[in-house]
Amino acid sequence: MRRLKLIWDFRGPNALRIAEHHHVHLKEYIKTSELNNIIVDFEALSDMHSIAFMVVDEDKMQPLRDILKPHRGQVFSD
């Protein structure tokens, strides 16, 4: 099954802190929704651009996308 990476972009001097905070909320959502086999993390792409992301199976993407409203997505590769 193909896996997709749902991405939330944050820009500016506080981007990393905001991405880290968003990561916490994504983890809470996964726990309360009892979802399995999902990767959640955050990453600094530069000093002014960070992301929080969630990797999901393609069949779970649409309902999560509609609820969580990521900024963008891409095919995930390990």
C-alpha atoms as a PDB file:
ATOM      1  CA  MET A   1       0.000   0.000   0.000  1.00  0.00           C
ATOM      2  CA  ARG A   2       1.256   3.459  -0.887  1.00  0.00           C
ATOM      3  CA  ARG A   3       1.903   5.850   2.011  1.00  0.00           C
ATOM      4  CA  LEU A   4       1.348   9.580   1.884  1.00  0.00           C
ATOM      5  CA  LYS A   5       2.945  12.394   3.867  1.00  0.00           C
ATOM      6  CA  LEU A   6       0.526  15.121   4.996  1.00  0.00           C
ATOM      7  CA  ILE A   7       2.505  18.321   5.628  1.00  0.00           C
ATOM      8  CA  TRP A   8       1.889  21.516   7.571  1.00  0.00           C
ATOM      9  CA  ASP A   9       4.305  24.354   6.712  1.00  0.00           C
ATOM     10  CA  PHE A  10       5.378  27.021   9.182  1.00  0.00           C
ATOM     11  CA  ARG A  11       7.517  30.013   8.258  1.00  0.00           C
ATOM     12  CA  GLY A  12       9.255  32.748  10.179  1.00  0.00           C
ATOM     13  CA  PRO A  13      11.637  33.004  13.126  1.00  0.00           C
ATOM     14  CA  ASN A  14       9.378  30.840  15.351  1.00  0.00           C
ATOM     15  CA  ALA A  15       8.660  28.210  12.693  1.00  0.00           C
ATOM     16  CA  LEU A  16      10.446  25.362  14.472  1.00  0.00           C
ATOM     17  CA  ARG A  17       8.681  26.002  17.788  1.00  0.00           C
ATOM     18  CA  ILE A  18       5.317  26.171  16.052  1.00  0.00           C
ATOM     19  CA  ALA A  19       5.990  22.955  14.093  1.00  0.00           C
ATOM     20  CA  GLU A  20       7.019  21.200  17.300  1.00  0.00           C
ATOM     21  CA  HIS A  21       3.837  22.395  19.010  1.00  0.00           C
ATOM     22  CA  HIS A  22       1.689  21.260  16.070  1.00  0.00           C
ATOM     23  CA  HIS A  23       3.446  17.869  16.249  1.00  0.00           C
ATOM     24  CA  VAL A  24       2.216  17.505  19.840  1.00  0.00           C
ATOM     25  CA  HIS A  25      -1.374  18.134  18.730  1.00  0.00           C
ATOM     26  CA  LEU A  26      -1.069  15.632  15.885  1.00  0.00           C
ATOM     27  CA  LYS A  27       0.168  12.974  18.336  1.00  0.00           C
ATOM     28  CA  GLU A  28      -2.766  13.735  20.640  1.00  0.00           C
ATOM     29  CA  TYR A  29      -5.203  13.410  17.746  1.00  0.00           C
ATOM     30  CA  ILE A  30      -3.760  10.014  16.762  1.00  0.00           C
ATOM     31  CA  LYS A  31      -3.999   8.776  20.331  1.00  0.00           C
ATOM     32  CA  THR A  32      -7.582   9.922  20.908  1.00  0.00           C
ATOM     33  CA  SER A  33      -8.660   8.613  17.487  1.00  0.00           C
ATOM     34  CA  GLU A  34      -6.928   5.274  18.161  1.00  0.00           C
ATOM     35  CA  LEU A  35      -5.149   5.299  14.790  1.00  0.00           C
ATOM     36  CA  ASN A  36      -2.399   2.784  14.047  1.00  0.00           C
ATOM     37  CA  ASN A  37       0.638   2.638  11.766  1.00  0.00           C
ATOM     38  CA  ILE A  38       1.018   6.421  11.533  1.00  0.00           C
ATOM     39  CA  ILE A  39       4.289   8.326  11.677  1.00  0.00           C
ATOM     40  CA  VAL A  40       4.196  11.853  13.108  1.00  0.00           C
ATOM     41  CA  ASP A  41       7.197  14.166  13.364  1.00  0.00           C
ATOM     42  CA  PHE A  42       8.514  17.660  12.698  1.00  0.00           C
ATOM     43  CA  GLU A  43      11.571  18.967  10.889  1.00  0.00           C
ATOM     44  CA  ALA A  44      13.435  22.232  10.310  1.00  0.00           C
ATOM     45  CA  LEU A  45      13.993  22.752   6.591  1.00  0.00           C
ATOM     46  CA  SER A  46      15.808  26.069   7.149  1.00  0.00           C
ATOM     47  CA  ASP A  47      16.071  28.786   9.793  1.00  0.00           C
ATOM     48  CA  MET A  48      12.778  30.238   8.600  1.00  0.00           C
ATOM     49  CA  HIS A  49      10.840  27.163   7.401  1.00  0.00           C
ATOM     50  CA  SER A  50       9.797  24.119   9.415  1.00  0.00           C
ATOM     51  CA  ILE A  51       7.193  21.435   8.935  1.00  0.00           C
ATOM     52  CA  ALA A  52       5.084  19.084  10.991  1.00  0.00           C
ATOM     53  CA  PHE A  53       4.000  15.960   9.166  1.00  0.00           C
ATOM     54  CA  MET A  54       1.980  12.778   9.368  1.00  0.00           C
ATOM     55  CA  VAL A  55       2.546   9.670   7.237  1.00  0.00           C
ATOM     56  CA  VAL A  56      -0.574   7.600   6.581  1.00  0.00           C
ATOM     57  CA  ASP A  57      -1.732   4.761   4.353  1.00  0.00           C
ATOM     58  CA  GLU A  58      -3.360   6.078   1.201  1.00  0.00           C
ATOM     59  CA  ASP A  59      -6.778   4.654   2.117  1.00  0.00           C
ATOM     60  CA  LYS A  60      -6.813   6.706   5.360  1.00  0.00           C
ATOM     61  CA  MET A  61      -5.638   9.942   3.729  1.00  0.00           C
ATOM     62  CA  GLN A  62      -8.899  11.538   2.591  1.00  0.00           C
ATOM     63  CA  PRO A  63     -10.795  11.597   5.908  1.00  0.00           C
ATOM     64  CA  LEU A  64      -7.671  12.758   7.773  1.00  0.00           C
ATOM     65  CA  ARG A  65      -7.004  15.430   5.140  1.00  0.00           C
ATOM     66  CA  ASP A  66     -10.574  16.702   5.424  1.00  0.00           C
ATOM     67  CA  ILE A  67     -10.444  16.880   9.226  1.00  0.00           C
ATOM     68  CA  LEU A  68      -6.861  18.074   9.814  1.00  0.00           C
ATOM     69  CA  LYS A  69      -6.438  20.297   6.712  1.00  0.00           C
ATOM     70  CA  PRO A  70      -2.731  19.917   5.913  1.00  0.00           C
ATOM     71  CA  HIS A  71      -1.158  22.542   3.678  1.00  0.00           C
ATOM     72  CA  ARG A  72       0.127  19.974   1.200  1.00  0.00           C
ATOM     73  CA  GLY A  73       0.990  16.316   0.705  1.00  0.00           C
ATOM     74  CA  GLN A  74       3.387  14.048  -1.132  1.00  0.00           C
ATOM     75  CA  VAL A  75       4.127  10.384  -1.650  1.00  0.00           C
ATOM     76  CA  PHE A  76       6.230   9.097   1.255  1.00  0.00           C
ATOM     77  CA  SER A  77       9.427   7.164   0.640  1.00  0.00           C
ATOM     78  CA  ASP A  78      11.551   5.717   3.444  1.00  0.00           C
END
